[in-house]
Amino acid sequence: MHQYVERLSGTVMTEELFGDRIVRFLYSRAREQAPFLFRLATSARISSLLGFYHFDLALGPRLSGNSRFLARCGVDLTECVAPRAHFTTPRKIFERQIRYWQCRPMPHLDTVVVSPADARVALGALHPDSPLFLKDKFFDYQELLGADRRRWLEVFSHGDYAVFRLTPDKYHYNHTPVSGRVVDHYSLGGAYHSCNPGAVVEVVTPYSKNKRVVTIIDTDVEGGTGVGYVAMVEVVAMMIGDIVQCYSDTGYDHPLRIRPGMFLSKGQPKSLYRPGSSTDILLFEKGRAHFAEDLLKNGRRIDVHSRFSLGFGRPLVEVEVQARSLIAVAKD
């Protein structure tokens, strides 16, 4: 069992983990007793084949005539830009566009950092004097950003971070969490490990072992959020085929690939996962941003059965947040 906290109500929710039995088999018995099978299962080829099987086979009348599939996934098609008749495959559902300007309201304060996705967030810190200190749990820090990126390794070395886990049913566009200018943007190769909490606990630092895209944003510029440098790391997972960079200033119109020198406005669509579960990680400079108090409080609850709390030996609870909702504010 794995539980999380629903932010708006504070209710403890039990998550139905997709493919949990298979994941537990792969990350316990198969990893130890059949390493070749484990490496194969987390490879790009198998991930792509699994993705096709699960997301590209047509649903046909089953989708249009039976709402149980959508209800099980918690998908509200009334939020979507496209009409209901458009959604004929699971892939179209998971790559849906929504009227985020209406159904994902965003605080208007310039100094606010917002969630990049509809996700379940866990908070941590890289400096040992912080109550959020979690070293080498979700990721190996140098491995995450790339061992040759010495400038950024130094910039974020004692900072805070937030890990946003997108489950397969979520809206899979990422939005920019801050306003600022892109100063670096690069990709790092890797595997396709599952984002299932059980897999994260079993495989130490999995997020830094997966294929990922890193975007460094300078927010100390005119029109910026004013929280220093922010690293946004988009991490693939099992059955994720790609991360498509598609920044739009208005709606989803005229999408652009991210490149250094671009100014990104907070809350706008930045990228799209194709599809499945996946993870966003935000890194902040030490002392530049303060996480929302409700996220800090709920993240330390001891009445929640979290696999992260059990696996890491300390209270660590995810909180479900919506894209473009407040997660932190700039420190004075």
C-alpha atoms as a PDB file:
ATOM      1  CA  MET A   1       0.000   0.000   0.000  1.00  0.00           C
ATOM      2  CA  HIS A   2       1.084   3.572  -0.709  1.00  0.00           C
ATOM      3  CA  GLN A   3      -0.740   6.654   0.531  1.00  0.00           C
ATOM      4  CA  TYR A   4      -0.476  10.383  -0.134  1.00  0.00           C
ATOM      5  CA  VAL A   5      -2.257  13.550   1.005  1.00  0.00           C
ATOM      6  CA  GLU A   6      -4.770  15.405  -1.147  1.00  0.00           C
ATOM      7  CA  ARG A   7      -3.712  19.032  -0.761  1.00  0.00           C
ATOM      8  CA  LEU A   8      -7.027  20.897  -0.899  1.00  0.00           C
ATOM      9  CA  SER A   9      -8.816  18.743   1.687  1.00  0.00           C
ATOM     10  CA  GLY A  10      -5.908  17.249   3.650  1.00  0.00           C
ATOM     11  CA  THR A  11      -7.456  13.815   3.115  1.00  0.00           C
ATOM     12  CA  VAL A  12      -5.214  10.751   3.167  1.00  0.00           C
ATOM     13  CA  MET A  13      -5.651   8.857  -0.103  1.00  0.00           C
ATOM     14  CA  THR A  14      -4.585   5.321  -1.031  1.00  0.00           C
ATOM     15  CA  GLU A  15      -2.997   5.132  -4.463  1.00  0.00           C
ATOM     16  CA  GLU A  16      -3.828   2.375  -6.904  1.00  0.00           C
ATOM     17  CA  LEU A  17      -0.363   1.769  -8.337  1.00  0.00           C
ATOM     18  CA  PHE A  18      -0.432   0.780 -12.002  1.00  0.00           C
ATOM     19  CA  GLY A  19       1.299  -2.557 -12.643  1.00  0.00           C
ATOM     20  CA  ASP A  20       2.423  -2.807  -9.026  1.00  0.00           C
ATOM     21  CA  ARG A  21       2.817  -6.610  -9.023  1.00  0.00           C
ATOM     22  CA  ILE A  22       4.990  -6.565 -12.143  1.00  0.00           C
ATOM     23  CA  VAL A  23       7.103  -3.715 -10.772  1.00  0.00           C
ATOM     24  CA  ARG A  24       7.626  -5.511  -7.455  1.00  0.00           C
ATOM     25  CA  PHE A  25       8.714  -8.650  -9.307  1.00  0.00           C
ATOM     26  CA  LEU A  26      11.154  -6.744 -11.533  1.00  0.00           C
ATOM     27  CA  TYR A  27      12.682  -4.696  -8.731  1.00  0.00           C
ATOM     28  CA  SER A  28      13.073  -7.492  -6.212  1.00  0.00           C
ATOM     29  CA  ARG A  29      13.423 -10.999  -7.612  1.00  0.00           C
ATOM     30  CA  ALA A  30      14.278 -10.231 -11.257  1.00  0.00           C
ATOM     31  CA  ARG A  31      16.870  -7.570 -10.418  1.00  0.00           C
ATOM     32  CA  GLU A  32      18.739  -9.989  -8.172  1.00  0.00           C
ATOM     33  CA  GLN A  33      18.118 -13.353  -9.837  1.00  0.00           C
ATOM     34  CA  ALA A  34      17.746 -12.408 -13.519  1.00  0.00           C
ATOM     35  CA  PRO A  35      19.768  -9.218 -14.121  1.00  0.00           C
ATOM     36  CA  PHE A  36      19.576  -9.641 -17.915  1.00  0.00           C
ATOM     37  CA  LEU A  37      15.763  -9.635 -17.759  1.00  0.00           C
ATOM     38  CA  PHE A  38      15.843  -6.587 -15.506  1.00  0.00           C
ATOM     39  CA  ARG A  39      18.153  -4.656 -17.869  1.00  0.00           C
ATOM     40  CA  LEU A  40      15.955  -5.631 -20.799  1.00  0.00           C
ATOM     41  CA  ALA A  41      12.762  -4.487 -19.044  1.00  0.00           C
ATOM     42  CA  THR A  42      14.258  -1.059 -18.307  1.00  0.00           C
ATOM     43  CA  SER A  43      15.694  -0.576 -21.814  1.00  0.00           C
ATOM     44  CA  ALA A  44      14.474   1.963 -24.363  1.00  0.00           C
ATOM     45  CA  ARG A  45      13.250  -0.728 -26.780  1.00  0.00           C
ATOM     46  CA  ILE A  46      11.095  -2.628 -24.292  1.00  0.00           C
ATOM     47  CA  SER A  47       9.805   0.622 -22.804  1.00  0.00           C
ATOM     48  CA  SER A  48       8.718   1.729 -26.273  1.00  0.00           C
ATOM     49  CA  LEU A  49       6.991  -1.606 -27.004  1.00  0.00           C
ATOM     50  CA  LEU A  50       5.157  -1.559 -23.671  1.00  0.00           C
ATOM     51  CA  GLY A  51       4.107   2.011 -24.345  1.00  0.00           C
ATOM     52  CA  PHE A  52       2.656   1.064 -27.742  1.00  0.00           C
ATOM     53  CA  TYR A  53       0.738  -1.870 -26.261  1.00  0.00           C
ATOM     54  CA  HIS A  54      -0.750   0.169 -23.434  1.00  0.00           C
ATOM     55  CA  PHE A  55      -1.322   3.535 -25.101  1.00  0.00           C
ATOM     56  CA  ASP A  56      -1.749   3.152 -28.874  1.00  0.00           C
ATOM     57  CA  LEU A  57      -4.319   0.370 -29.279  1.00  0.00           C
ATOM     58  CA  ALA A  58      -7.682   1.881 -30.188  1.00  0.00           C
ATOM     59  CA  LEU A  59     -10.397   1.850 -27.552  1.00  0.00           C
ATOM     60  CA  GLY A  60     -13.199   2.222 -30.095  1.00  0.00           C
ATOM     61  CA  PRO A  61     -16.738   2.012 -28.732  1.00  0.00           C
ATOM     62  CA  ARG A  62     -15.445   1.008 -25.306  1.00  0.00           C
ATOM     63  CA  LEU A  63     -14.294   4.578 -24.628  1.00  0.00           C
ATOM     64  CA  SER A  64     -17.250   6.417 -26.104  1.00  0.00           C
ATOM     65  CA  GLY A  65     -19.807   4.097 -24.536  1.00  0.00           C
ATOM     66  CA  ASN A  66     -18.278   3.323 -21.155  1.00  0.00           C
ATOM     67  CA  SER A  67     -17.191   6.013 -18.722  1.00  0.00           C
ATOM     68  CA  ARG A  68     -15.692   3.553 -16.229  1.00  0.00           C
ATOM     69  CA  PHE A  69     -12.317   3.646 -18.001  1.00  0.00           C
ATOM     70  CA  LEU A  70     -12.102   7.438 -17.617  1.00  0.00           C
ATOM     71  CA  ALA A  71     -13.505   7.358 -14.093  1.00  0.00           C
ATOM     72  CA  ARG A  72     -10.870   4.820 -13.021  1.00  0.00           C
ATOM     73  CA  CYS A  73      -8.155   7.132 -14.321  1.00  0.00           C
ATOM     74  CA  GLY A  74      -9.812  10.209 -12.851  1.00  0.00           C
ATOM     75  CA  VAL A  75      -9.808  11.971 -16.219  1.00  0.00           C
ATOM     76  CA  ASP A  76     -12.209  14.880 -16.663  1.00  0.00           C
ATOM     77  CA  LEU A  77     -12.693  15.354 -20.404  1.00  0.00           C
ATOM     78  CA  THR A  78     -14.676  18.548 -19.829  1.00  0.00           C
ATOM     79  CA  GLU A  79     -11.339  20.251 -19.093  1.00  0.00           C
ATOM     80  CA  CYS A  80      -9.960  19.331 -22.512  1.00  0.00           C
ATOM     81  CA  VAL A  81      -9.513  21.546 -25.532  1.00  0.00           C
ATOM     82  CA  ALA A  82     -10.520  18.749 -27.963  1.00  0.00           C
ATOM     83  CA  PRO A  83     -14.061  17.275 -28.019  1.00  0.00           C
ATOM     84  CA  ARG A  84     -14.765  13.879 -26.465  1.00  0.00           C
ATOM     85  CA  ALA A  85     -14.911  12.172 -29.884  1.00  0.00           C
ATOM     86  CA  HIS A  86     -11.199  12.907 -30.355  1.00  0.00           C
ATOM     87  CA  PHE A  87     -10.104  10.504 -27.609  1.00  0.00           C
ATOM     88  CA  THR A  88     -10.000   7.144 -29.369  1.00  0.00           C
ATOM     89  CA  THR A  89      -6.777   5.745 -27.836  1.00  0.00           C
ATOM     90  CA  PRO A  90      -5.206   5.894 -24.366  1.00  0.00           C
ATOM     91  CA  ARG A  91      -2.314   7.890 -25.891  1.00  0.00           C
ATOM     92  CA  LYS A  92      -4.687  10.648 -26.969  1.00  0.00           C
ATOM     93  CA  ILE A  93      -6.095  10.737 -23.454  1.00  0.00           C
ATOM     94  CA  PHE A  94      -2.697  10.927 -21.773  1.00  0.00           C
ATOM     95  CA  GLU A  95      -1.387  13.555 -24.219  1.00  0.00           C
ATOM     96  CA  ARG A  96      -4.530  15.672 -23.865  1.00  0.00           C
ATOM     97  CA  GLN A  97      -4.462  19.443 -23.817  1.00  0.00           C
ATOM     98  CA  ILE A  98      -6.615  21.217 -21.251  1.00  0.00           C
ATOM     99  CA  ARG A  99      -7.933  24.753 -20.818  1.00  0.00           C
ATOM    100  CA  TYR A 100      -5.324  25.398 -18.130  1.00  0.00           C
ATOM    101  CA  TRP A 101      -6.012  29.130 -18.216  1.00  0.00           C
ATOM    102  CA  GLN A 102      -9.441  28.311 -16.763  1.00  0.00           C
ATOM    103  CA  CYS A 103      -9.102  25.039 -14.829  1.00  0.00           C
ATOM    104  CA  ARG A 104      -5.553  25.472 -13.423  1.00  0.00           C
ATOM    105  CA  PRO A 105      -5.619  28.962 -11.880  1.00  0.00           C
ATOM    106  CA  MET A 106      -2.262  30.507 -11.015  1.00  0.00           C
ATOM    107  CA  PRO A 107      -1.315  33.063  -8.320  1.00  0.00           C
ATOM    108  CA  HIS A 108      -0.503  36.424  -9.845  1.00  0.00           C
ATOM    109  CA  LEU A 109       2.343  37.359  -7.484  1.00  0.00           C
ATOM    110  CA  ASP A 110       5.637  37.707  -9.356  1.00  0.00           C
ATOM    111  CA  THR A 111       7.653  36.042  -6.558  1.00  0.00           C
ATOM    112  CA  VAL A 112       5.663  32.785  -6.497  1.00  0.00           C
ATOM    113  CA  VAL A 113       7.023  29.435  -7.756  1.00  0.00           C
ATOM    114  CA  VAL A 114       4.322  27.146  -9.149  1.00  0.00           C
ATOM    115  CA  SER A 115       4.003  23.411  -9.694  1.00  0.00           C
ATOM    116  CA  PRO A 116       5.147  22.296 -13.148  1.00  0.00           C
ATOM    117  CA  ALA A 117       2.544  19.515 -13.365  1.00  0.00           C
ATOM    118  CA  ASP A 118      -0.464  17.725 -11.940  1.00  0.00           C
ATOM    119  CA  ALA A 119       1.565  15.461  -9.688  1.00  0.00           C
ATOM    120  CA  ARG A 120       2.405  14.178  -6.221  1.00  0.00           C
ATOM    121  CA  VAL A 121       5.243  16.177  -4.737  1.00  0.00           C
ATOM    122  CA  ALA A 122       7.880  15.291  -2.139  1.00  0.00           C
ATOM    123  CA  LEU A 123      10.275  17.895  -0.757  1.00  0.00           C
ATOM    124  CA  GLY A 124      13.959  17.514   0.100  1.00  0.00           C
ATOM    125  CA  ALA A 125      17.231  19.352   0.614  1.00  0.00           C
ATOM    126  CA  LEU A 126      20.876  18.748  -0.239  1.00  0.00           C
ATOM    127  CA  HIS A 127      22.405  20.478   2.792  1.00  0.00           C
ATOM    128  CA  PRO A 128      22.756  18.437   6.016  1.00  0.00           C
ATOM    129  CA  ASP A 129      21.694  21.282   8.324  1.00  0.00           C
ATOM    130  CA  SER A 130      18.213  21.343   6.766  1.00  0.00           C
ATOM    131  CA  PRO A 131      15.276  19.428   8.311  1.00  0.00           C
ATOM    132  CA  LEU A 132      14.478  18.337   4.736  1.00  0.00           C
ATOM    133  CA  PHE A 133      17.925  16.779   4.198  1.00  0.00           C
ATOM    134  CA  LEU A 134      17.720  13.639   2.048  1.00  0.00           C
ATOM    135  CA  LYS A 135      21.060  12.629   0.575  1.00  0.00           C
ATOM    136  CA  ASP A 136      21.234  10.119  -2.278  1.00  0.00           C
ATOM    137  CA  LYS A 137      17.650   8.906  -1.946  1.00  0.00           C
ATOM    138  CA  PHE A 138      15.752   9.970  -5.050  1.00  0.00           C
ATOM    139  CA  PHE A 139      18.890  10.728  -7.052  1.00  0.00           C
ATOM    140  CA  ASP A 140      22.643  10.986  -6.982  1.00  0.00           C
ATOM    141  CA  TYR A 141      23.204  14.745  -7.184  1.00  0.00           C
ATOM    142  CA  GLN A 142      26.254  14.823  -9.473  1.00  0.00           C
ATOM    143  CA  GLU A 143      24.800  12.099 -11.669  1.00  0.00           C
ATOM    144  CA  LEU A 144      21.489  13.956 -11.961  1.00  0.00           C
ATOM    145  CA  LEU A 145      22.937  17.124 -13.499  1.00  0.00           C
ATOM    146  CA  GLY A 146      25.907  15.449 -15.197  1.00  0.00           C
ATOM    147  CA  ALA A 147      29.355  15.106 -13.654  1.00  0.00           C
ATOM    148  CA  ASP A 148      30.861  17.515 -16.204  1.00  0.00           C
ATOM    149  CA  ARG A 149      28.444  20.354 -15.392  1.00  0.00           C
ATOM    150  CA  ARG A 150      30.635  21.774 -12.642  1.00  0.00           C
ATOM    151  CA  ARG A 151      29.101  25.250 -12.679  1.00  0.00           C
ATOM    152  CA  TRP A 152      25.596  23.988 -11.948  1.00  0.00           C
ATOM    153  CA  LEU A 153      26.805  21.376  -9.483  1.00  0.00           C
ATOM    154  CA  GLU A 154      28.318  24.206  -7.461  1.00  0.00           C
ATOM    155  CA  VAL A 155      25.303  26.519  -7.803  1.00  0.00           C
ATOM    156  CA  PHE A 156      22.764  24.007  -6.439  1.00  0.00           C
ATOM    157  CA  SER A 157      25.076  21.977  -4.170  1.00  0.00           C
ATOM    158  CA  HIS A 158      23.440  23.035  -0.873  1.00  0.00           C
ATOM    159  CA  GLY A 159      20.000  23.912  -2.153  1.00  0.00           C
ATOM    160  CA  ASP A 160      16.495  22.533  -1.828  1.00  0.00           C
ATOM    161  CA  TYR A 161      14.560  20.387  -4.260  1.00  0.00           C
ATOM    162  CA  ALA A 162      11.063  19.158  -5.071  1.00  0.00           C
ATOM    163  CA  VAL A 163      10.249  15.857  -6.795  1.00  0.00           C
ATOM    164  CA  PHE A 164       6.977  15.759  -8.760  1.00  0.00           C
ATOM    165  CA  ARG A 165       5.759  12.259  -9.654  1.00  0.00           C
ATOM    166  CA  LEU A 166       3.266  12.110 -12.524  1.00  0.00           C
ATOM    167  CA  THR A 167       1.166   8.956 -12.508  1.00  0.00           C
ATOM    168  CA  PRO A 168      -0.048   7.488 -15.838  1.00  0.00           C
ATOM    169  CA  ASP A 169      -3.522   9.009 -15.497  1.00  0.00           C
ATOM    170  CA  LYS A 170      -2.253  12.583 -15.118  1.00  0.00           C
ATOM    171  CA  TYR A 171      -2.281  15.455 -17.569  1.00  0.00           C
ATOM    172  CA  HIS A 172       1.197  15.076 -19.074  1.00  0.00           C
ATOM    173  CA  TYR A 173       2.152  18.584 -20.138  1.00  0.00           C
ATOM    174  CA  ASN A 174       4.785  20.294 -17.997  1.00  0.00           C
ATOM    175  CA  HIS A 175       4.466  24.006 -17.303  1.00  0.00           C
ATOM    176  CA  THR A 176       7.226  26.461 -16.481  1.00  0.00           C
ATOM    177  CA  PRO A 177       7.460  26.841 -12.674  1.00  0.00           C
ATOM    178  CA  VAL A 178       9.147  30.255 -12.795  1.00  0.00           C
ATOM    179  CA  SER A 179       9.669  33.190 -15.124  1.00  0.00           C
ATOM    180  CA  GLY A 180      13.192  33.756 -16.349  1.00  0.00           C
ATOM    181  CA  ARG A 181      15.764  33.348 -19.084  1.00  0.00           C
ATOM    182  CA  VAL A 182      17.137  29.961 -20.173  1.00  0.00           C
ATOM    183  CA  VAL A 183      20.910  29.863 -19.669  1.00  0.00           C
ATOM    184  CA  ASP A 184      21.486  26.157 -20.351  1.00  0.00           C
ATOM    185  CA  HIS A 185      19.523  23.266 -21.827  1.00  0.00           C
ATOM    186  CA  TYR A 186      20.812  19.737 -22.443  1.00  0.00           C
ATOM    187  CA  SER A 187      19.874  16.057 -22.481  1.00  0.00           C
ATOM    188  CA  LEU A 188      21.439  13.122 -20.620  1.00  0.00           C
ATOM    189  CA  GLY A 189      21.031   9.497 -21.661  1.00  0.00           C
ATOM    190  CA  GLY A 190      19.980   6.698 -19.368  1.00  0.00           C
ATOM    191  CA  ALA A 191      17.595   3.844 -18.606  1.00  0.00           C
ATOM    192  CA  TYR A 192      13.799   3.716 -18.215  1.00  0.00           C
ATOM    193  CA  HIS A 193      13.282   2.747 -14.584  1.00  0.00           C
ATOM    194  CA  SER A 194       9.775   2.770 -13.159  1.00  0.00           C
ATOM    195  CA  CYS A 195       8.606   5.746 -11.062  1.00  0.00           C
ATOM    196  CA  ASN A 196       6.579   3.429  -8.827  1.00  0.00           C
ATOM    197  CA  PRO A 197       7.450   4.335  -5.184  1.00  0.00           C
ATOM    198  CA  GLY A 198       8.419   0.733  -4.509  1.00  0.00           C
ATOM    199  CA  ALA A 199      10.895   0.796  -7.394  1.00  0.00           C
ATOM    200  CA  VAL A 200      12.317   4.113  -6.191  1.00  0.00           C
ATOM    201  CA  VAL A 201      12.980   2.648  -2.755  1.00  0.00           C
ATOM    202  CA  GLU A 202      14.469  -0.590  -4.155  1.00  0.00           C
ATOM    203  CA  VAL A 203      16.783   1.072  -6.713  1.00  0.00           C
ATOM    204  CA  VAL A 204      18.881   3.737  -5.009  1.00  0.00           C
ATOM    205  CA  THR A 205      18.872   7.070  -6.895  1.00  0.00           C
ATOM    206  CA  PRO A 206      16.843   5.889  -9.921  1.00  0.00           C
ATOM    207  CA  TYR A 207      15.916   9.354 -11.190  1.00  0.00           C
ATOM    208  CA  SER A 208      19.531  10.175 -11.970  1.00  0.00           C
ATOM    209  CA  LYS A 209      19.921   6.905 -13.870  1.00  0.00           C
ATOM    210  CA  ASN A 210      17.051   7.537 -16.294  1.00  0.00           C
ATOM    211  CA  LYS A 211      17.110   9.511 -19.531  1.00  0.00           C
ATOM    212  CA  ARG A 212      16.404  13.169 -18.710  1.00  0.00           C
ATOM    213  CA  VAL A 213      16.387  16.766 -19.963  1.00  0.00           C
ATOM    214  CA  VAL A 214      17.852  19.607 -17.885  1.00  0.00           C
ATOM    215  CA  THR A 215      16.835  23.263 -18.252  1.00  0.00           C
ATOM    216  CA  ILE A 216      18.580  25.964 -16.185  1.00  0.00           C
ATOM    217  CA  ILE A 217      16.576  29.186 -15.774  1.00  0.00           C
ATOM    218  CA  ASP A 218      17.937  32.488 -14.428  1.00  0.00           C
ATOM    219  CA  THR A 219      15.063  34.189 -12.605  1.00  0.00           C
ATOM    220  CA  ASP A 220      17.093  37.221 -11.448  1.00  0.00           C
ATOM    221  CA  VAL A 221      16.309  39.080 -14.666  1.00  0.00           C
ATOM    222  CA  GLU A 222      13.752  41.702 -15.640  1.00  0.00           C
ATOM    223  CA  GLY A 223      10.324  40.092 -15.384  1.00  0.00           C
ATOM    224  CA  GLY A 224      11.750  37.078 -13.542  1.00  0.00           C
ATOM    225  CA  THR A 225      10.510  35.377 -10.382  1.00  0.00           C
ATOM    226  CA  GLY A 226      13.560  36.426  -8.346  1.00  0.00           C
ATOM    227  CA  VAL A 227      14.591  33.085  -6.829  1.00  0.00           C
ATOM    228  CA  GLY A 228      18.020  32.835  -8.433  1.00  0.00           C
ATOM    229  CA  TYR A 229      18.894  29.951 -10.721  1.00  0.00           C
ATOM    230  CA  VAL A 230      16.341  27.151 -10.982  1.00  0.00           C
ATOM    231  CA  ALA A 231      17.040  23.760 -12.555  1.00  0.00           C
ATOM    232  CA  MET A 232      14.101  21.886 -14.051  1.00  0.00           C
ATOM    233  CA  VAL A 233      14.917  18.236 -14.709  1.00  0.00           C
ATOM    234  CA  GLU A 234      12.407  16.205 -16.715  1.00  0.00           C
ATOM    235  CA  VAL A 235      12.922  12.468 -16.195  1.00  0.00           C
ATOM    236  CA  VAL A 236      11.521   9.657 -18.345  1.00  0.00           C
ATOM    237  CA  ALA A 237      10.239   6.402 -16.894  1.00  0.00           C
ATOM    238  CA  MET A 238       9.037   2.982 -17.953  1.00  0.00           C
ATOM    239  CA  MET A 239       6.791   3.260 -21.051  1.00  0.00           C
ATOM    240  CA  ILE A 240       7.800   6.890 -21.648  1.00  0.00           C
ATOM    241  CA  GLY A 241       9.004   7.245 -25.219  1.00  0.00           C
ATOM    242  CA  ASP A 242      10.178  10.837 -25.299  1.00  0.00           C
ATOM    243  CA  ILE A 243      10.134  14.313 -23.791  1.00  0.00           C
ATOM    244  CA  VAL A 244       8.942  16.819 -26.393  1.00  0.00           C
ATOM    245  CA  GLN A 245       9.995  20.427 -25.786  1.00  0.00           C
ATOM    246  CA  CYS A 246       7.070  22.588 -26.951  1.00  0.00           C
ATOM    247  CA  TYR A 247       6.983  25.953 -25.159  1.00  0.00           C
ATOM    248  CA  SER A 248       3.998  28.188 -25.972  1.00  0.00           C
ATOM    249  CA  ASP A 249       3.394  31.770 -24.865  1.00  0.00           C
ATOM    250  CA  THR A 250      -0.344  31.518 -25.573  1.00  0.00           C
ATOM    251  CA  GLY A 251      -2.424  28.389 -25.100  1.00  0.00           C
ATOM    252  CA  TYR A 252      -0.653  25.589 -26.942  1.00  0.00           C
ATOM    253  CA  ASP A 253      -0.119  27.756 -30.023  1.00  0.00           C
ATOM    254  CA  HIS A 254       3.097  27.950 -32.045  1.00  0.00           C
ATOM    255  CA  PRO A 255       5.167  25.562 -29.862  1.00  0.00           C
ATOM    256  CA  LEU A 256       8.911  26.217 -29.730  1.00  0.00           C
ATOM    257  CA  ARG A 257      11.869  24.055 -28.774  1.00  0.00           C
ATOM    258  CA  ILE A 258      13.694  25.279 -25.685  1.00  0.00           C
ATOM    259  CA  ARG A 259      17.027  26.972 -26.367  1.00  0.00           C
ATOM    260  CA  PRO A 260      19.419  29.176 -24.343  1.00  0.00           C
ATOM    261  CA  GLY A 261      18.473  32.845 -24.460  1.00  0.00           C
ATOM    262  CA  MET A 262      14.705  32.257 -24.492  1.00  0.00           C
ATOM    263  CA  PHE A 263      12.557  34.000 -21.898  1.00  0.00           C
ATOM    264  CA  LEU A 264      10.034  31.613 -20.358  1.00  0.00           C
ATOM    265  CA  SER A 265       6.891  32.961 -18.719  1.00  0.00           C
ATOM    266  CA  LYS A 266       5.665  31.222 -15.588  1.00  0.00           C
ATOM    267  CA  GLY A 267       2.776  28.808 -15.958  1.00  0.00           C
ATOM    268  CA  GLN A 268       3.065  28.298 -19.719  1.00  0.00           C
ATOM    269  CA  PRO A 269       3.300  24.850 -21.373  1.00  0.00           C
ATOM    270  CA  LYS A 270       6.954  23.844 -21.693  1.00  0.00           C
ATOM    271  CA  SER A 271       7.094  20.155 -22.623  1.00  0.00           C
ATOM    272  CA  LEU A 272       5.115  16.952 -23.039  1.00  0.00           C
ATOM    273  CA  TYR A 273       5.828  13.410 -21.878  1.00  0.00           C
ATOM    274  CA  ARG A 274       4.877  10.674 -24.367  1.00  0.00           C
ATOM    275  CA  PRO A 275       3.145   9.013 -22.179  1.00  0.00           C
ATOM    276  CA  GLY A 276       2.976   6.920 -18.959  1.00  0.00           C
ATOM    277  CA  SER A 277       4.415   7.831 -15.565  1.00  0.00           C
ATOM    278  CA  SER A 278       7.276  10.287 -15.274  1.00  0.00           C
ATOM    279  CA  THR A 279       8.974  12.736 -12.906  1.00  0.00           C
ATOM    280  CA  ASP A 280       9.913  16.418 -12.712  1.00  0.00           C
ATOM    281  CA  ILE A 281      12.617  17.621 -10.326  1.00  0.00           C
ATOM    282  CA  LEU A 282      13.152  21.276  -9.415  1.00  0.00           C
ATOM    283  CA  LEU A 283      16.443  22.376  -7.844  1.00  0.00           C
ATOM    284  CA  PHE A 284      16.795  25.721  -6.057  1.00  0.00           C
ATOM    285  CA  GLU A 285      19.795  27.670  -4.793  1.00  0.00           C
ATOM    286  CA  LYS A 286      20.221  27.597  -1.033  1.00  0.00           C
ATOM    287  CA  GLY A 287      18.213  30.280   0.759  1.00  0.00           C
ATOM    288  CA  ARG A 288      16.408  31.660  -2.295  1.00  0.00           C
ATOM    289  CA  ALA A 289      12.974  30.008  -2.042  1.00  0.00           C
ATOM    290  CA  HIS A 290      10.718  28.911   0.824  1.00  0.00           C
ATOM    291  CA  PHE A 291       8.324  25.998   0.311  1.00  0.00           C
ATOM    292  CA  ALA A 292       4.630  26.465   1.111  1.00  0.00           C
ATOM    293  CA  GLU A 293       3.884  25.705   4.756  1.00  0.00           C
ATOM    294  CA  ASP A 294       1.060  23.262   4.007  1.00  0.00           C
ATOM    295  CA  LEU A 295       3.393  21.175   1.816  1.00  0.00           C
ATOM    296  CA  LEU A 296       6.028  21.122   4.562  1.00  0.00           C
ATOM    297  CA  LYS A 297       3.496  20.151   7.235  1.00  0.00           C
ATOM    298  CA  ASN A 298       1.796  17.411   5.208  1.00  0.00           C
ATOM    299  CA  GLY A 299       5.142  16.055   4.050  1.00  0.00           C
ATOM    300  CA  ARG A 300       6.065  15.205   7.669  1.00  0.00           C
ATOM    301  CA  ARG A 301       2.816  13.500   8.677  1.00  0.00           C
ATOM    302  CA  ILE A 302       3.209  10.213  10.535  1.00  0.00           C
ATOM    303  CA  ASP A 303      -0.377   8.992  10.029  1.00  0.00           C
ATOM    304  CA  VAL A 304       0.176   8.270   6.320  1.00  0.00           C
ATOM    305  CA  HIS A 305       1.374   4.875   5.052  1.00  0.00           C
ATOM    306  CA  SER A 306       4.008   6.072   2.585  1.00  0.00           C
ATOM    307  CA  ARG A 307       6.473   3.684   0.947  1.00  0.00           C
ATOM    308  CA  PHE A 308       9.000   6.514   0.988  1.00  0.00           C
ATOM    309  CA  SER A 309       8.676   6.865   4.773  1.00  0.00           C
ATOM    310  CA  LEU A 310       9.173   3.118   5.201  1.00  0.00           C
ATOM    311  CA  GLY A 311      12.010   2.875   2.698  1.00  0.00           C
ATOM    312  CA  PHE A 312      13.935   5.986   3.765  1.00  0.00           C
ATOM    313  CA  GLY A 313      13.441   5.574   7.533  1.00  0.00           C
ATOM    314  CA  ARG A 314      11.852   8.964   8.180  1.00  0.00           C
ATOM    315  CA  PRO A 315       8.466  10.650   7.550  1.00  0.00           C
ATOM    316  CA  LEU A 316       8.292  11.518   3.851  1.00  0.00           C
ATOM    317  CA  VAL A 317       4.800  11.927   2.419  1.00  0.00           C
ATOM    318  CA  GLU A 318       3.768  13.047  -1.047  1.00  0.00           C
ATOM    319  CA  VAL A 319       1.139  15.758  -1.478  1.00  0.00           C
ATOM    320  CA  GLU A 320      -1.043  15.895  -4.590  1.00  0.00           C
ATOM    321  CA  VAL A 321      -0.800  19.288  -6.294  1.00  0.00           C
ATOM    322  CA  GLN A 322      -2.171  20.801  -9.474  1.00  0.00           C
ATOM    323  CA  ALA A 323      -0.141  22.359 -12.251  1.00  0.00           C
ATOM    324  CA  ARG A 324       0.377  26.123 -11.776  1.00  0.00           C
ATOM    325  CA  SER A 325      -0.495  26.003  -8.043  1.00  0.00           C
ATOM    326  CA  LEU A 326       1.773  27.682  -5.469  1.00  0.00           C
ATOM    327  CA  ILE A 327       4.598  25.536  -4.134  1.00  0.00           C
ATOM    328  CA  ALA A 328       7.141  28.139  -2.942  1.00  0.00           C
ATOM    329  CA  VAL A 329       7.798  31.861  -2.643  1.00  0.00           C
ATOM    330  CA  ALA A 330      10.966  33.901  -2.991  1.00  0.00           C
ATOM    331  CA  LYS A 331      12.743  34.695   0.256  1.00  0.00           C
ATOM    332  CA  ASP A 332      13.347  38.365   1.021  1.00  0.00           C
END
